[in-house]
Protein backbone atom coordinates (compact mmCIF):
# COMPACT_ATOMS: atom_id res chain seq x y z
CA UNK A 1 -80.58 -13.38 -22.00
CA UNK A 2 -83.55 -13.33 -19.89
CA UNK A 3 -86.33 -15.75 -18.36
CA UNK A 4 -89.61 -14.59 -17.20
CA UNK A 5 -92.50 -16.33 -15.37
CA UNK A 6 -95.61 -15.97 -14.17
CA UNK A 7 -96.37 -15.62 -10.15
CA UNK A 8 -98.62 -18.38 -8.58
CA UNK A 9 -101.74 -17.31 -6.10
CA UNK A 10 -100.35 -20.29 -3.99
CA UNK A 11 -98.11 -18.60 -1.02
CA UNK A 12 -95.34 -20.65 0.49
CA UNK A 13 -96.52 -21.71 4.35
CA UNK A 14 -92.53 -22.19 4.87
CA UNK A 15 -90.59 -19.72 3.35
CA UNK A 16 -88.57 -17.20 5.82
CA UNK A 17 -90.03 -14.04 6.42
CA UNK A 18 -87.54 -10.98 5.91
CA UNK A 19 -86.63 -8.15 8.16
CA UNK A 20 -86.00 -5.54 5.68
CA UNK A 21 -88.09 -2.30 4.70
CA UNK A 22 -89.91 -2.60 1.40
CA UNK A 23 -88.41 -0.79 -1.55
CA UNK A 24 -91.42 -0.61 -3.91
CA UNK A 25 -91.46 1.33 -7.25
CA UNK A 26 -93.83 3.84 -7.65
CA UNK A 27 -96.15 1.98 -9.73
CA UNK A 28 -96.60 -0.25 -7.49
CA UNK A 29 -97.17 2.08 -4.49
CA UNK A 30 -99.87 3.91 -7.04
CA UNK A 31 -101.60 1.12 -7.74
CA UNK A 32 -101.43 0.41 -3.34
CA UNK A 33 -103.27 3.88 -3.54
CA UNK A 34 -105.83 3.46 -6.04
CA UNK A 35 -107.02 -0.04 -5.01
CA UNK A 36 -106.87 -0.17 -1.28
CA UNK A 37 -108.92 -3.09 -1.18
CA UNK A 38 -105.76 -5.14 -2.09
CA UNK A 39 -105.43 -7.66 0.62
CA UNK A 40 -101.19 -7.59 1.93
CA UNK A 41 -99.96 -9.08 3.98
CA UNK A 42 -97.66 -7.46 6.87
CA UNK A 43 -94.47 -9.65 6.19
CA UNK A 44 -91.84 -9.05 3.56
CA UNK A 45 -90.45 -12.42 1.37
CA UNK A 46 -87.98 -12.60 -1.38
CA UNK A 47 -90.35 -13.34 -4.48
CA UNK A 48 -88.19 -16.38 -5.59
CA UNK A 49 -89.36 -18.19 -2.53
CA UNK A 50 -92.67 -16.87 -1.47
CA UNK A 51 -94.74 -18.22 -4.61
CA UNK A 52 -95.64 -22.01 -4.46
CA UNK A 53 -97.82 -23.25 -6.92
CA UNK A 54 -96.98 -25.74 -9.49
CA UNK A 55 -94.23 -24.01 -11.50
CA UNK A 56 -92.13 -22.67 -8.43
CA UNK A 57 -92.53 -26.62 -6.87
CA UNK A 58 -90.94 -28.20 -10.14
CA UNK A 59 -87.87 -25.60 -9.64
CA UNK A 60 -86.74 -27.64 -6.59
CA UNK A 61 -85.36 -24.74 -5.08
CA UNK A 62 -84.27 -26.28 -2.35
CA UNK A 63 -82.12 -28.15 -4.56
CA UNK A 64 -80.41 -25.18 -6.06
CA UNK A 65 -76.78 -24.04 -4.05
CA UNK A 66 -74.96 -20.76 -4.49
CA UNK A 67 -74.33 -20.92 -8.30
CA UNK A 68 -77.96 -22.11 -9.30
CA UNK A 69 -79.01 -19.14 -7.15
CA UNK A 70 -76.32 -16.80 -8.83
CA UNK A 71 -77.96 -17.88 -12.32
CA UNK A 72 -81.05 -17.02 -11.45
CA UNK A 73 -80.90 -13.60 -10.29
CA UNK A 74 -79.09 -12.48 -13.05
CA UNK A 75 -81.61 -14.12 -15.17
CA UNK A 76 -84.70 -14.38 -14.05
CA UNK A 77 -87.83 -12.09 -13.90
CA UNK A 78 -91.08 -12.79 -12.33
CA UNK A 79 -94.17 -10.95 -13.61
CA UNK A 80 -96.88 -9.67 -11.40
CA UNK A 81 -100.21 -7.21 -12.02
CA UNK A 82 -98.48 -5.64 -8.49
CA UNK A 83 -95.15 -5.26 -8.83
CA UNK A 84 -94.52 -5.58 -12.59
CA UNK A 85 -91.15 -7.38 -13.00
CA UNK A 86 -89.64 -8.89 -9.93
CA UNK A 87 -86.12 -10.12 -9.74
CA UNK A 88 -85.73 -13.13 -7.56
CA UNK A 89 -84.23 -11.34 -4.76
CA UNK A 90 -86.34 -8.82 -4.58
CA UNK A 91 -88.68 -8.49 -1.36
CA UNK A 92 -92.57 -8.76 -1.79
CA UNK A 93 -95.74 -8.95 0.12
CA UNK A 94 -98.06 -11.92 -0.25
CA UNK A 95 -100.99 -10.24 -2.25
CA UNK A 96 -104.11 -10.95 -4.55
CA UNK A 97 -104.49 -9.21 -7.59
CA UNK A 98 -103.95 -10.49 -11.14
CA UNK A 99 -104.21 -8.72 -14.39
CA UNK A 100 -107.65 -9.87 -15.10
CA UNK A 101 -109.47 -8.25 -12.33
CA UNK A 102 -111.54 -5.45 -12.67
CA UNK A 103 -110.17 -2.61 -10.69
CA UNK A 104 -110.73 0.90 -9.54
CA UNK A 105 -107.98 1.60 -11.99
CA UNK A 106 -109.52 0.02 -14.97
CA UNK A 107 -107.09 -1.93 -16.95
CA UNK A 108 -103.56 -2.55 -15.35
CA UNK A 109 -102.10 -3.33 -18.75
CA UNK A 110 -102.93 -0.09 -19.88
CA UNK A 111 -101.58 1.40 -16.67
CA UNK A 112 -98.46 -0.63 -16.63
CA UNK A 113 -98.52 -0.23 -20.49
CA UNK A 114 -94.80 -0.88 -21.91
CA UNK A 115 -93.06 -0.55 -18.38
CA UNK A 116 -92.77 -4.39 -17.41
CA UNK A 117 -90.82 -4.77 -20.98
CA UNK A 118 -88.38 -1.85 -20.91
CA UNK A 119 -87.56 -3.08 -17.22
CA UNK A 120 -86.74 -6.57 -18.64
CA UNK A 121 -85.68 -5.77 -22.20
CA UNK A 122 -83.22 -3.33 -20.55
CA UNK A 123 -79.91 -4.76 -21.88
CA UNK A 124 -81.73 -5.60 -25.16
CA UNK A 125 -81.23 -9.48 -23.65
CA UNK A 126 -83.07 -12.54 -25.44
CA UNK A 127 -86.55 -13.09 -23.55
CA UNK A 128 -86.93 -16.85 -22.64
CA UNK A 129 -91.30 -16.89 -21.85
CA UNK A 130 -91.85 -19.09 -19.52
CA UNK A 131 -95.02 -17.42 -18.64
CA UNK A 132 -98.49 -17.96 -19.09
CA UNK A 133 -100.42 -15.17 -21.79
CA UNK A 134 -101.90 -13.39 -19.29
CA UNK A 135 -98.41 -12.21 -18.25
CA UNK A 136 -96.33 -12.36 -21.40
CA UNK A 137 -98.81 -10.45 -23.45
CA UNK A 138 -97.23 -7.65 -21.15
CA UNK A 139 -93.57 -7.99 -23.18
CA UNK A 140 -94.81 -9.80 -26.76
CA UNK A 141 -96.66 -6.71 -27.44
CA UNK A 142 -93.71 -4.71 -27.47
CA UNK A 143 -90.76 -6.90 -28.06
CA UNK A 144 -88.98 -7.22 -31.70
CA UNK A 145 -90.48 -10.93 -32.56
CA UNK A 146 -86.61 -11.99 -32.81
CA UNK A 147 -85.56 -11.50 -29.48
CA UNK A 148 -88.46 -13.16 -27.59
CA UNK A 149 -88.19 -16.77 -27.61
CA UNK A 150 -91.64 -18.70 -26.59
CA UNK A 151 -91.34 -21.78 -24.97
CA UNK A 152 -94.62 -25.00 -25.39
CA UNK A 153 -94.64 -28.15 -23.96
CA UNK A 154 -96.91 -31.21 -25.09
CA UNK A 155 -98.19 -34.52 -23.69
CA UNK A 156 -98.36 -37.64 -26.51
CA UNK A 157 -101.40 -39.55 -25.07
CA UNK A 158 -101.73 -42.01 -27.39
CA UNK A 159 -100.67 -40.12 -30.59
CA UNK A 160 -102.44 -37.01 -29.84
CA UNK A 161 -100.80 -33.80 -28.36
CA UNK A 162 -102.33 -32.57 -25.36
CA UNK A 163 -101.91 -28.91 -23.84
CA UNK A 164 -103.33 -27.56 -20.43
CA UNK A 165 -102.47 -25.85 -17.93
CA UNK A 166 -100.93 -28.00 -15.31
CA UNK A 167 -98.37 -29.61 -17.49
CA UNK A 168 -97.44 -26.11 -18.93
CA UNK A 169 -96.99 -25.28 -15.25
CA UNK A 170 -95.20 -28.54 -14.29
CA UNK A 171 -93.01 -27.97 -17.37
CA UNK A 172 -91.93 -24.25 -16.75
CA UNK A 173 -91.25 -25.05 -13.70
CA UNK A 174 -88.87 -28.13 -14.66
CA UNK A 175 -87.68 -25.81 -17.64
CA UNK A 176 -86.22 -22.98 -15.09
CA UNK A 177 -84.39 -25.83 -12.79
CA UNK A 178 -83.02 -27.29 -15.74
CA UNK A 179 -81.65 -24.25 -17.64
CA UNK A 180 -80.42 -22.81 -13.60
CA UNK A 181 -78.49 -26.06 -13.05
CA UNK A 182 -76.72 -26.42 -16.89
CA UNK A 183 -76.28 -22.49 -17.11
CA UNK A 184 -78.06 -22.13 -19.77
CA UNK A 185 -76.53 -19.33 -21.94
CA UNK A 186 -77.24 -20.03 -26.09
CA UNK A 187 -80.94 -20.57 -26.75
CA UNK A 188 -79.95 -23.51 -28.67
CA UNK A 189 -78.67 -25.32 -25.71
CA UNK A 190 -82.53 -25.13 -24.05
CA UNK A 191 -83.37 -27.90 -26.77
CA UNK A 192 -81.29 -30.65 -25.00
CA UNK A 193 -83.86 -30.48 -21.93
CA UNK A 194 -85.00 -33.75 -21.52
CA UNK A 195 -86.12 -33.57 -17.87
CA UNK A 196 -89.28 -35.72 -17.02
CA UNK A 197 -89.28 -37.48 -20.35
CA UNK A 198 -90.03 -34.20 -22.43
CA UNK A 199 -87.66 -33.90 -25.90
CA UNK A 200 -87.09 -31.30 -28.38
CA UNK A 201 -89.87 -31.06 -31.58
CA UNK A 202 -87.59 -29.76 -34.42
CA UNK A 203 -90.11 -30.51 -36.94
CA UNK A 204 -92.32 -28.49 -35.82
CA UNK A 205 -90.42 -26.17 -33.74
CA UNK A 206 -89.59 -22.22 -35.20
CA UNK A 207 -86.37 -20.25 -34.08
CA UNK A 208 -88.80 -17.92 -31.93
CA UNK A 209 -91.06 -21.01 -30.81
CA UNK A 210 -89.53 -23.73 -29.00
CA UNK A 211 -91.99 -27.15 -28.31
CA UNK A 212 -90.82 -29.84 -26.14
CA UNK A 213 -93.17 -33.01 -26.31
CA UNK A 214 -93.46 -35.74 -23.50
CA UNK A 215 -94.41 -39.16 -24.45
CA UNK A 216 -96.92 -41.34 -22.40
CA UNK A 217 -97.28 -43.83 -25.62
């Protein structure tokens, strides 16, 4: 089982720097060479700790013990337009680039093609999608549908289901926290997610799309 999440534009101001030499992929180096306007920091960080947007804040990384981090190291990929698919403890530099930006290289989806998919799906594991459409499409386009589990989050407000980016980002972080703490290895066990008032919507879910609803009535 592999889990994918999106990066965030917000970078942590408290994360520790790592004094090691970077080992970027040839694709990342090509992007850096061809798009010199990319703004990079000089400091290296572990990918899992560098990002600090809503999703990452709700992972509550400060509460993780070694077994939780081992789970994250084994299962998690963070997708990005610059690094492709980063493992949690890959060393990366802060940057400003996403798939929707206009660049001298043109369409970065075309540049990466199926390379991100091949890295994540290397062992043909089930992929749990906790990423936004912008990033998950780098995999969803190529992967067999039965090997890709999409997860959606809604809030029930006065009988109406609402979904927006803030809800999704927070809930994705909570789901990853839940999976790491519970050491989830089976897709059916994901249905037990119940943090922050969420519950599995059996009626509207399918084998390829799990829906969770938070009741605010």
